[in-house]
Protein backbone atom coordinates (compact mmCIF):
# COMPACT_ATOMS: atom_id res chain seq x y z
CA MET A 1 -10.30 13.80 22.07
CA ALA A 2 -10.81 13.15 18.35
CA ASP A 3 -7.03 12.86 17.90
CA GLU A 4 -6.91 10.17 20.57
CA LYS A 5 -9.61 8.17 18.80
CA ASN A 6 -7.75 8.43 15.48
CA ALA A 7 -4.53 7.35 17.16
CA GLU A 8 -6.22 4.22 18.45
CA LYS A 9 -7.33 3.09 14.98
CA PRO A 10 -5.20 0.46 13.27
CA ALA A 11 -3.56 1.80 10.08
CA ASP A 12 -5.72 -0.40 7.84
CA THR A 13 -8.98 1.16 9.07
CA THR A 14 -8.09 4.77 8.38
CA ASP A 15 -10.55 6.83 6.39
CA ARG A 16 -7.76 8.40 4.34
CA LYS A 17 -7.65 6.09 1.34
CA VAL A 18 -6.44 6.71 -2.19
CA LYS A 19 -7.09 4.72 -5.33
CA VAL A 20 -4.36 3.47 -7.58
CA GLU A 21 -4.77 1.73 -10.91
CA PHE A 22 -2.27 -0.84 -12.04
CA GLY A 23 -2.50 -3.64 -14.56
CA GLY A 24 -6.10 -2.78 -15.40
CA LYS A 25 -7.26 -3.11 -11.78
CA THR A 26 -8.08 -0.50 -9.14
CA TYR A 27 -6.71 -0.85 -5.63
CA GLN A 28 -7.35 1.22 -2.49
CA ILE A 29 -4.49 2.02 -0.16
CA ALA A 30 -3.77 4.27 2.80
CA GLU A 31 -2.10 7.62 2.22
CA LEU A 32 1.69 7.50 2.63
CA ASP A 33 1.56 9.30 5.99
CA ASP A 34 -0.51 6.40 7.33
CA TRP A 35 1.95 3.67 6.27
CA PRO A 36 3.55 1.95 9.27
CA ALA A 37 7.25 2.64 9.86
CA LEU A 38 7.92 -1.05 9.23
CA VAL A 39 6.65 -0.65 5.65
CA ILE A 40 8.84 2.40 5.07
CA GLU A 41 11.81 0.32 6.22
CA MET A 42 10.81 -2.42 3.76
CA VAL A 43 10.74 0.13 0.93
CA GLU A 44 14.23 1.29 1.90
CA ASP A 45 15.41 -2.33 1.93
CA ALA A 46 13.75 -3.01 -1.46
CA ARG A 47 11.58 -5.76 0.04
CA TYR A 48 8.78 -4.93 -2.38
CA VAL A 49 6.68 -8.09 -2.14
CA ASN A 50 6.43 -7.53 1.61
CA VAL A 51 5.56 -3.87 1.00
CA LEU A 52 2.71 -4.95 -1.26
CA ARG A 53 1.49 -7.50 1.29
CA PHE A 54 1.24 -4.84 4.01
CA VAL A 55 -0.04 -1.93 1.93
CA LEU A 56 -2.63 -3.87 -0.07
CA GLY A 57 -3.90 -6.14 2.68
CA GLN A 58 -4.67 -9.82 2.30
CA GLU A 59 -7.50 -9.66 -0.26
CA GLN A 60 -5.95 -7.13 -2.64
CA PHE A 61 -2.53 -8.78 -2.34
CA ALA A 62 -4.07 -12.13 -3.31
CA GLN A 63 -5.69 -10.48 -6.35
CA PHE A 64 -2.36 -9.00 -7.42
CA ILE A 65 -0.40 -12.23 -6.91
CA ALA A 66 -3.05 -14.12 -8.91
CA THR A 67 -1.89 -12.13 -11.96
CA GLU A 68 1.49 -13.93 -11.68
CA PRO A 69 3.50 -10.70 -11.68
CA LYS A 70 7.14 -10.57 -12.67
CA LYS A 71 9.81 -8.53 -10.85
CA LYS A 72 9.27 -5.58 -13.18
CA ASP A 73 5.54 -5.64 -12.33
CA VAL A 74 6.23 -5.67 -8.60
CA ASP A 75 8.71 -2.80 -8.93
CA GLY A 76 6.31 -0.79 -11.10
CA PHE A 77 3.38 -1.41 -8.78
CA VAL A 78 5.31 -0.29 -5.69
CA GLN A 79 6.33 2.89 -7.52
CA ALA A 80 2.70 3.52 -8.54
CA LEU A 81 1.55 2.95 -4.94
CA GLN A 82 4.11 5.39 -3.55
CA THR A 83 3.16 8.03 -6.10
CA ALA A 84 -0.56 7.64 -5.45
CA ALA A 85 -0.11 7.55 -1.67
CA GLN A 86 1.83 10.83 -1.83
CA GLY A 87 -1.00 12.42 -3.77
CA ASN A 88 1.14 13.02 -6.88
C-alpha cells in the first residue's frame, strides 16, 4: 500500500531530495530516479534551460535566471545537477 501512495505523489513532492551548490547558491532537487521521462528526453536533446525549469521548479529557476547566466553557466549547472542527482 505504501508503494501505491508514493506512486500517486507528483515528482516535485518526493521526499528524496539532494542539495547542489552552484554559483554560490544552494538548490534542492529530486534524485535522478525521480526525474520525469520528459526531462530525461530534454537532457538528451540538449534543451538545458527547459531541464532547469522542470528540475528546479518555478522559484529556484527564477533565482537562477536572475543571475543572468550565460550558456556556459547553464551547461555547467545542468552537469552539476545531474552529478548531484546521481549521488556522485
